[in-house]
């Protein structure tokens, strides 16, 4: 599979995270921080209104690497995330991953990862390293 990948290959999709998504993520992760759920508490923060969990936003890359990019079978090795701006519920997000390096010997692909809002402001940036699924003729 790695031989099908080229530097510069890119994939993207759009997603809106709803308040219901935030509630479900909070319950699943156990992170019920008031900054995500309580409008009165959020008024006392720098954000002034409830924000989406950073890790929920970061998890949006999983769709690209799990199924969208070259098909199923990629294994996540690591991911760095830098949260540049807060994400709020019902904000339209564009999730983008681009191949920036390929290590054929180690079967690893490095991606730049970014999430933009509807004004094309970068909300999250980082890098991910993945291991593509090996096929018989590649072994």
N, C-alpha and C. Protein backbone atom coordinates (compact mmCIF):
# COMPACT_ATOMS: atom_id res chain seq x y z
N UNK A 1 0.81 -1.20 0.00
CA UNK A 1 0.00 0.00 0.00
C UNK A 1 0.85 1.28 0.00
N UNK A 2 2.03 1.23 0.66
CA UNK A 2 2.84 2.43 0.77
C UNK A 2 3.31 2.91 -0.61
N UNK A 3 3.46 2.00 -1.55
CA UNK A 3 3.93 2.37 -2.90
C UNK A 3 2.88 3.18 -3.66
N UNK A 4 1.63 3.17 -3.20
CA UNK A 4 0.56 3.96 -3.84
C UNK A 4 0.54 5.40 -3.33
N UNK A 5 1.30 5.68 -2.28
CA UNK A 5 1.27 6.98 -1.62
C UNK A 5 2.40 7.85 -2.17
N UNK A 6 2.09 9.12 -2.40
CA UNK A 6 3.07 10.08 -2.91
C UNK A 6 3.11 11.32 -2.01
N UNK A 7 4.29 11.92 -1.89
CA UNK A 7 4.39 13.19 -1.16
C UNK A 7 3.49 14.20 -1.87
N UNK A 8 2.73 14.91 -1.08
CA UNK A 8 1.77 15.89 -1.61
C UNK A 8 0.36 15.36 -1.69
N UNK A 9 0.17 14.03 -1.61
CA UNK A 9 -1.19 13.48 -1.57
C UNK A 9 -1.94 14.12 -0.40
N UNK A 10 -3.18 14.44 -0.62
CA UNK A 10 -3.96 15.16 0.38
C UNK A 10 -5.40 14.66 0.37
N UNK A 11 -5.98 14.64 1.53
CA UNK A 11 -7.41 14.34 1.64
C UNK A 11 -8.02 15.28 2.66
N UNK A 12 -9.32 15.55 2.48
CA UNK A 12 -10.02 16.48 3.37
C UNK A 12 -11.50 16.15 3.41
N UNK A 13 -12.14 16.59 4.45
CA UNK A 13 -13.59 16.49 4.55
C UNK A 13 -14.08 17.57 5.50
N UNK A 14 -15.39 17.78 5.49
CA UNK A 14 -16.01 18.79 6.35
C UNK A 14 -16.83 18.10 7.43
N UNK A 15 -16.83 18.70 8.62
CA UNK A 15 -17.58 18.12 9.73
C UNK A 15 -18.00 19.24 10.68
N UNK A 16 -19.20 19.13 11.21
CA UNK A 16 -19.69 20.02 12.26
C UNK A 16 -19.85 19.19 13.52
N UNK A 17 -19.25 19.64 14.61
CA UNK A 17 -19.40 18.97 15.91
C UNK A 17 -20.55 19.65 16.63
N UNK A 18 -21.56 18.88 17.00
CA UNK A 18 -22.75 19.42 17.66
C UNK A 18 -22.59 19.38 19.18
N UNK A 19 -23.48 20.05 19.87
CA UNK A 19 -23.50 19.99 21.34
C UNK A 19 -23.76 18.56 21.80
N UNK A 20 -24.55 17.81 21.03
CA UNK A 20 -24.81 16.41 21.36
C UNK A 20 -23.52 15.59 21.24
N UNK A 21 -22.71 15.86 20.22
CA UNK A 21 -21.41 15.20 20.09
C UNK A 21 -20.54 15.48 21.31
N UNK A 22 -20.54 16.74 21.75
CA UNK A 22 -19.74 17.13 22.92
C UNK A 22 -20.23 16.38 24.16
N UNK A 23 -21.55 16.29 24.33
CA UNK A 23 -22.11 15.56 25.48
C UNK A 23 -21.67 14.10 25.45
N UNK A 24 -21.80 13.46 24.29
CA UNK A 24 -21.42 12.05 24.16
C UNK A 24 -19.94 11.85 24.44
N UNK A 25 -19.09 12.75 23.91
CA UNK A 25 -17.65 12.63 24.14
C UNK A 25 -17.33 12.81 25.62
N UNK A 26 -17.98 13.77 26.26
CA UNK A 26 -17.77 13.99 27.69
C UNK A 26 -18.12 12.76 28.50
N UNK A 27 -19.26 12.14 28.17
CA UNK A 27 -19.66 10.93 28.88
C UNK A 27 -18.70 9.78 28.61
N UNK A 28 -18.31 9.61 27.35
CA UNK A 28 -17.41 8.52 26.98
C UNK A 28 -16.03 8.69 27.61
N UNK A 29 -15.51 9.90 27.57
CA UNK A 29 -14.14 10.14 28.08
C UNK A 29 -14.11 10.39 29.58
N UNK A 30 -15.24 10.76 30.15
CA UNK A 30 -15.27 11.13 31.56
C UNK A 30 -14.88 12.57 31.80
N UNK A 31 -14.61 13.32 30.75
CA UNK A 31 -14.24 14.73 30.87
C UNK A 31 -15.51 15.58 30.84
N UNK A 32 -16.02 15.87 32.02
CA UNK A 32 -17.23 16.66 32.14
C UNK A 32 -16.91 18.09 32.63
N UNK A 33 -15.73 18.58 32.24
CA UNK A 33 -15.28 19.92 32.60
C UNK A 33 -16.37 20.94 32.26
N UNK A 34 -16.66 21.82 33.19
CA UNK A 34 -17.71 22.82 33.00
C UNK A 34 -17.43 23.73 31.80
N UNK A 35 -16.17 23.84 31.39
CA UNK A 35 -15.84 24.69 30.24
C UNK A 35 -16.50 24.17 28.96
N UNK A 36 -16.91 22.91 28.97
CA UNK A 36 -17.56 22.32 27.79
C UNK A 36 -19.08 22.30 27.88
N UNK A 37 -19.63 22.47 29.10
CA UNK A 37 -21.05 22.22 29.29
C UNK A 37 -21.85 23.33 29.96
N UNK A 38 -21.22 24.14 30.76
CA UNK A 38 -21.93 25.11 31.59
C UNK A 38 -21.73 26.54 31.06
N UNK A 39 -22.76 27.10 30.42
CA UNK A 39 -22.63 28.46 29.86
C UNK A 39 -22.26 29.52 30.90
N UNK A 40 -22.79 29.39 32.12
CA UNK A 40 -22.48 30.37 33.16
C UNK A 40 -21.01 30.27 33.57
N UNK A 41 -20.52 29.05 33.73
CA UNK A 41 -19.10 28.87 34.05
C UNK A 41 -18.24 29.37 32.89
N UNK A 42 -18.63 29.04 31.66
CA UNK A 42 -17.83 29.41 30.49
C UNK A 42 -17.68 30.93 30.38
N UNK A 43 -18.67 31.68 30.85
CA UNK A 43 -18.58 33.14 30.84
C UNK A 43 -17.39 33.64 31.64
N UNK A 44 -16.94 32.86 32.62
CA UNK A 44 -15.81 33.26 33.46
C UNK A 44 -14.47 32.87 32.85
N UNK A 45 -14.50 32.20 31.70
CA UNK A 45 -13.26 31.78 31.04
C UNK A 45 -12.91 32.74 29.91
N UNK A 46 -11.74 32.58 29.36
CA UNK A 46 -11.28 33.38 28.23
C UNK A 46 -12.16 33.15 27.00
N UNK A 47 -12.86 32.00 26.94
CA UNK A 47 -13.65 31.64 25.77
C UNK A 47 -15.06 32.23 25.78
N UNK A 48 -15.60 32.53 26.97
CA UNK A 48 -16.90 33.18 27.16
C UNK A 48 -18.11 32.32 26.85
N UNK A 49 -17.91 31.19 26.22
CA UNK A 49 -19.00 30.26 25.89
C UNK A 49 -18.42 28.84 25.86
N UNK A 50 -19.23 27.80 26.06
CA UNK A 50 -18.67 26.44 26.07
C UNK A 50 -17.91 26.10 24.78
N UNK A 51 -16.81 25.40 24.97
CA UNK A 51 -15.96 24.99 23.84
C UNK A 51 -16.01 23.47 23.68
N UNK A 52 -15.61 23.02 22.50
CA UNK A 52 -15.51 21.59 22.21
C UNK A 52 -14.21 21.06 22.82
N UNK A 53 -14.25 19.84 23.35
CA UNK A 53 -13.04 19.19 23.88
C UNK A 53 -11.97 19.17 22.79
N UNK A 54 -10.76 19.53 23.14
CA UNK A 54 -9.66 19.51 22.17
C UNK A 54 -9.44 18.13 21.58
N UNK A 55 -9.53 17.10 22.41
CA UNK A 55 -9.28 15.75 21.92
C UNK A 55 -10.41 15.26 21.02
N UNK A 56 -11.61 15.78 21.20
CA UNK A 56 -12.69 15.45 20.26
C UNK A 56 -12.36 16.04 18.89
N UNK A 57 -11.90 17.28 18.88
CA UNK A 57 -11.50 17.91 17.62
C UNK A 57 -10.33 17.12 17.00
N UNK A 58 -9.32 16.80 17.79
CA UNK A 58 -8.18 16.05 17.30
C UNK A 58 -8.55 14.68 16.76
N UNK A 59 -9.59 14.10 17.30
CA UNK A 59 -10.00 12.76 16.85
C UNK A 59 -10.58 12.76 15.44
N UNK A 60 -10.86 13.94 14.90
CA UNK A 60 -11.43 14.01 13.55
C UNK A 60 -10.46 13.47 12.49
N UNK A 61 -9.17 13.43 12.80
CA UNK A 61 -8.20 12.88 11.84
C UNK A 61 -8.36 11.36 11.70
N UNK A 62 -8.92 10.74 12.70
CA UNK A 62 -9.06 9.28 12.70
C UNK A 62 -9.85 8.78 11.49
N UNK A 63 -10.86 9.52 11.08
CA UNK A 63 -11.65 9.10 9.90
C UNK A 63 -10.76 9.03 8.66
N UNK A 64 -9.92 10.04 8.49
CA UNK A 64 -9.04 10.06 7.32
C UNK A 64 -8.10 8.86 7.33
N UNK A 65 -7.47 8.63 8.47
CA UNK A 65 -6.45 7.59 8.53
C UNK A 65 -7.04 6.19 8.68
N UNK A 66 -8.23 6.08 9.21
CA UNK A 66 -8.85 4.78 9.41
C UNK A 66 -9.55 4.24 8.18
N UNK A 67 -10.10 5.14 7.35
CA UNK A 67 -10.88 4.64 6.21
C UNK A 67 -10.72 5.46 4.93
N UNK A 68 -10.62 6.77 5.03
CA UNK A 68 -10.66 7.61 3.83
C UNK A 68 -9.39 7.55 2.98
N UNK A 69 -8.22 7.64 3.61
CA UNK A 69 -6.97 7.72 2.87
C UNK A 69 -6.49 6.32 2.51
N UNK A 70 -6.44 6.01 1.27
CA UNK A 70 -6.03 4.73 0.66
C UNK A 70 -6.78 3.51 1.17
N UNK A 71 -7.84 3.69 1.90
CA UNK A 71 -8.64 2.54 2.36
C UNK A 71 -8.26 2.11 3.76
N UNK A 72 -8.98 1.13 4.24
CA UNK A 72 -8.80 0.67 5.62
C UNK A 72 -7.45 0.00 5.84
N UNK A 73 -7.01 0.04 7.08
CA UNK A 73 -5.82 -0.71 7.45
C UNK A 73 -4.63 0.10 7.92
N UNK A 74 -4.68 1.43 7.81
CA UNK A 74 -3.58 2.25 8.31
C UNK A 74 -3.58 2.17 9.84
N UNK A 75 -2.39 2.13 10.41
CA UNK A 75 -2.24 2.09 11.87
C UNK A 75 -1.61 3.40 12.33
N UNK A 76 -2.29 4.05 13.28
CA UNK A 76 -1.81 5.30 13.87
C UNK A 76 -0.61 5.00 14.76
N UNK A 77 0.52 5.63 14.53
CA UNK A 77 1.70 5.47 15.38
C UNK A 77 1.83 6.63 16.37
N UNK A 78 1.66 7.85 15.88
CA UNK A 78 1.67 9.00 16.79
C UNK A 78 1.02 10.21 16.13
N UNK A 79 0.69 11.19 16.95
CA UNK A 79 0.03 12.41 16.48
C UNK A 79 0.42 13.54 17.41
N UNK A 80 0.89 14.65 16.86
CA UNK A 80 1.08 15.86 17.66
C UNK A 80 -0.08 16.79 17.34
N UNK A 81 -0.50 17.55 18.33
CA UNK A 81 -1.59 18.51 18.14
C UNK A 81 -1.23 19.82 18.81
N UNK A 82 -1.46 20.91 18.12
CA UNK A 82 -1.31 22.23 18.70
C UNK A 82 -2.64 22.94 18.48
N UNK A 83 -3.30 23.31 19.57
CA UNK A 83 -4.60 23.96 19.52
C UNK A 83 -4.39 25.47 19.44
N UNK A 84 -4.68 26.03 18.28
CA UNK A 84 -4.42 27.45 18.03
C UNK A 84 -5.58 28.35 18.41
N UNK A 85 -6.80 27.87 18.20
CA UNK A 85 -8.01 28.63 18.50
C UNK A 85 -9.07 27.68 19.01
N UNK A 86 -9.99 28.19 19.84
CA UNK A 86 -11.04 27.31 20.36
C UNK A 86 -12.04 26.92 19.27
N UNK A 87 -12.56 25.71 19.39
CA UNK A 87 -13.62 25.24 18.52
C UNK A 87 -14.91 25.24 19.34
N UNK A 88 -15.96 25.79 18.76
CA UNK A 88 -17.25 25.88 19.42
C UNK A 88 -18.24 24.93 18.75
N UNK A 89 -19.23 24.44 19.52
CA UNK A 89 -20.24 23.59 18.89
C UNK A 89 -20.90 24.27 17.69
N UNK A 90 -21.24 23.46 16.70
CA UNK A 90 -21.92 23.88 15.48
C UNK A 90 -21.05 24.71 14.53
N UNK A 91 -19.75 24.70 14.74
CA UNK A 91 -18.81 25.37 13.86
C UNK A 91 -18.45 24.40 12.73
N UNK A 92 -18.55 24.85 11.49
CA UNK A 92 -18.16 24.01 10.35
C UNK A 92 -16.64 23.92 10.30
N UNK A 93 -16.13 22.69 10.27
CA UNK A 93 -14.69 22.45 10.27
C UNK A 93 -14.27 21.72 9.00
N UNK A 94 -13.10 22.07 8.50
CA UNK A 94 -12.49 21.36 7.38
C UNK A 94 -11.27 20.63 7.93
N UNK A 95 -11.24 19.32 7.78
CA UNK A 95 -10.18 18.47 8.31
C UNK A 95 -9.29 18.06 7.15
N UNK A 96 -7.98 18.35 7.26
CA UNK A 96 -7.06 18.15 6.14
C UNK A 96 -5.82 17.38 6.60
N UNK A 97 -5.44 16.39 5.81
CA UNK A 97 -4.18 15.65 6.04
C UNK A 97 -3.43 15.58 4.72
N UNK A 98 -2.12 15.88 4.77
CA UNK A 98 -1.29 15.91 3.57
C UNK A 98 0.00 15.15 3.83
N UNK A 99 0.39 14.29 2.89
CA UNK A 99 1.63 13.52 3.00
C UNK A 99 2.82 14.46 2.85
N UNK A 100 3.72 14.44 3.85
CA UNK A 100 4.91 15.30 3.78
C UNK A 100 6.21 14.50 3.75
N UNK A 101 6.15 13.20 4.13
CA UNK A 101 7.36 12.37 4.09
C UNK A 101 6.95 10.90 4.06
N UNK A 102 7.77 10.10 3.40
CA UNK A 102 7.53 8.66 3.31
C UNK A 102 8.83 7.93 3.60
N UNK A 103 8.79 6.98 4.51
CA UNK A 103 9.93 6.13 4.82
C UNK A 103 9.56 4.71 4.38
N UNK A 104 9.97 4.37 3.16
CA UNK A 104 9.62 3.07 2.59
C UNK A 104 10.24 1.92 3.38
N UNK A 105 11.47 2.10 3.86
CA UNK A 105 12.16 1.03 4.59
C UNK A 105 11.44 0.67 5.89
N UNK A 106 10.93 1.67 6.58
CA UNK A 106 10.25 1.44 7.87
C UNK A 106 8.73 1.33 7.70
N UNK A 107 8.23 1.52 6.47
CA UNK A 107 6.79 1.48 6.19
C UNK A 107 6.05 2.51 7.05
N UNK A 108 6.50 3.76 6.97
CA UNK A 108 5.89 4.85 7.73
C UNK A 108 5.61 6.03 6.80
N UNK A 109 4.50 6.71 7.06
CA UNK A 109 4.13 7.89 6.30
C UNK A 109 3.87 9.02 7.30
N UNK A 110 4.45 10.19 7.03
CA UNK A 110 4.26 11.37 7.88
C UNK A 110 3.31 12.32 7.17
N UNK A 111 2.31 12.79 7.91
CA UNK A 111 1.31 13.72 7.39
C UNK A 111 1.34 15.03 8.17
N UNK A 112 1.11 16.13 7.49
CA UNK A 112 0.72 17.35 8.19
C UNK A 112 -0.78 17.22 8.43
N UNK A 113 -1.23 17.69 9.58
CA UNK A 113 -2.65 17.61 9.92
C UNK A 113 -3.13 18.98 10.36
N UNK A 114 -4.23 19.42 9.76
CA UNK A 114 -4.77 20.74 10.09
C UNK A 114 -6.29 20.70 10.09
N UNK A 115 -6.86 21.55 10.93
CA UNK A 115 -8.30 21.74 10.95
C UNK A 115 -8.56 23.24 10.85
N UNK A 116 -9.43 23.60 9.91
CA UNK A 116 -9.77 25.00 9.65
C UNK A 116 -11.24 25.25 9.96
N UNK A 117 -11.55 26.50 10.32
CA UNK A 117 -12.96 26.87 10.48
C UNK A 117 -13.50 27.37 9.14
N UNK A 118 -14.75 27.83 9.15
CA UNK A 118 -15.38 28.26 7.89
C UNK A 118 -14.73 29.50 7.28
N UNK A 119 -13.94 30.24 8.06
CA UNK A 119 -13.22 31.41 7.56
C UNK A 119 -11.79 31.04 7.12
N UNK A 120 -11.53 29.76 7.07
CA UNK A 120 -10.22 29.18 6.73
C UNK A 120 -9.12 29.61 7.71
N UNK A 121 -9.51 29.84 8.96
CA UNK A 121 -8.53 30.07 10.02
C UNK A 121 -8.11 28.71 10.56
N UNK A 122 -6.82 28.52 10.77
CA UNK A 122 -6.33 27.25 11.29
C UNK A 122 -6.62 27.17 12.79
N UNK A 123 -7.37 26.14 13.17
CA UNK A 123 -7.77 25.94 14.57
C UNK A 123 -6.82 24.97 15.28
N UNK A 124 -6.40 23.93 14.54
CA UNK A 124 -5.53 22.89 15.08
C UNK A 124 -4.50 22.53 14.01
N UNK A 125 -3.27 22.33 14.43
CA UNK A 125 -2.23 21.90 13.51
C UNK A 125 -1.39 20.82 14.19
N UNK A 126 -0.72 20.03 13.38
CA UNK A 126 0.14 19.00 13.94
C UNK A 126 0.69 18.10 12.86
N UNK A 127 1.24 16.97 13.31
CA UNK A 127 1.76 15.96 12.40
C UNK A 127 1.35 14.59 12.92
N UNK A 128 1.19 13.66 11.98
CA UNK A 128 0.86 12.28 12.33
C UNK A 128 1.80 11.34 11.60
N UNK A 129 2.14 10.25 12.27
CA UNK A 129 2.92 9.20 11.63
C UNK A 129 2.05 7.95 11.61
N UNK A 130 1.94 7.35 10.42
CA UNK A 130 1.11 6.17 10.26
C UNK A 130 1.86 5.05 9.57
N UNK A 131 1.38 3.85 9.79
CA UNK A 131 1.96 2.66 9.18
C UNK A 131 0.89 2.07 8.25
N UNK A 132 1.11 2.16 6.93
CA UNK A 132 0.14 1.58 6.00
C UNK A 132 0.10 0.06 6.11
N UNK A 133 -1.04 -0.49 5.75
CA UNK A 133 -1.20 -1.94 5.72
C UNK A 133 -0.27 -2.50 4.65
N UNK A 134 0.41 -3.59 4.98
CA UNK A 134 1.27 -4.25 3.99
C UNK A 134 0.43 -5.25 3.21
N UNK A 135 0.74 -5.36 1.94
CA UNK A 135 0.09 -6.36 1.09
C UNK A 135 1.11 -7.42 0.72
N UNK A 136 0.65 -8.58 0.30
CA UNK A 136 1.55 -9.71 0.07
C UNK A 136 2.75 -9.40 -0.80
N UNK A 137 2.55 -8.68 -1.91
CA UNK A 137 3.68 -8.39 -2.81
C UNK A 137 4.66 -7.38 -2.22
N UNK A 138 4.31 -6.79 -1.09
CA UNK A 138 5.16 -5.80 -0.44
C UNK A 138 6.00 -6.45 0.66
N UNK A 139 5.66 -7.66 1.11
CA UNK A 139 6.35 -8.31 2.23
C UNK A 139 7.71 -8.85 1.85
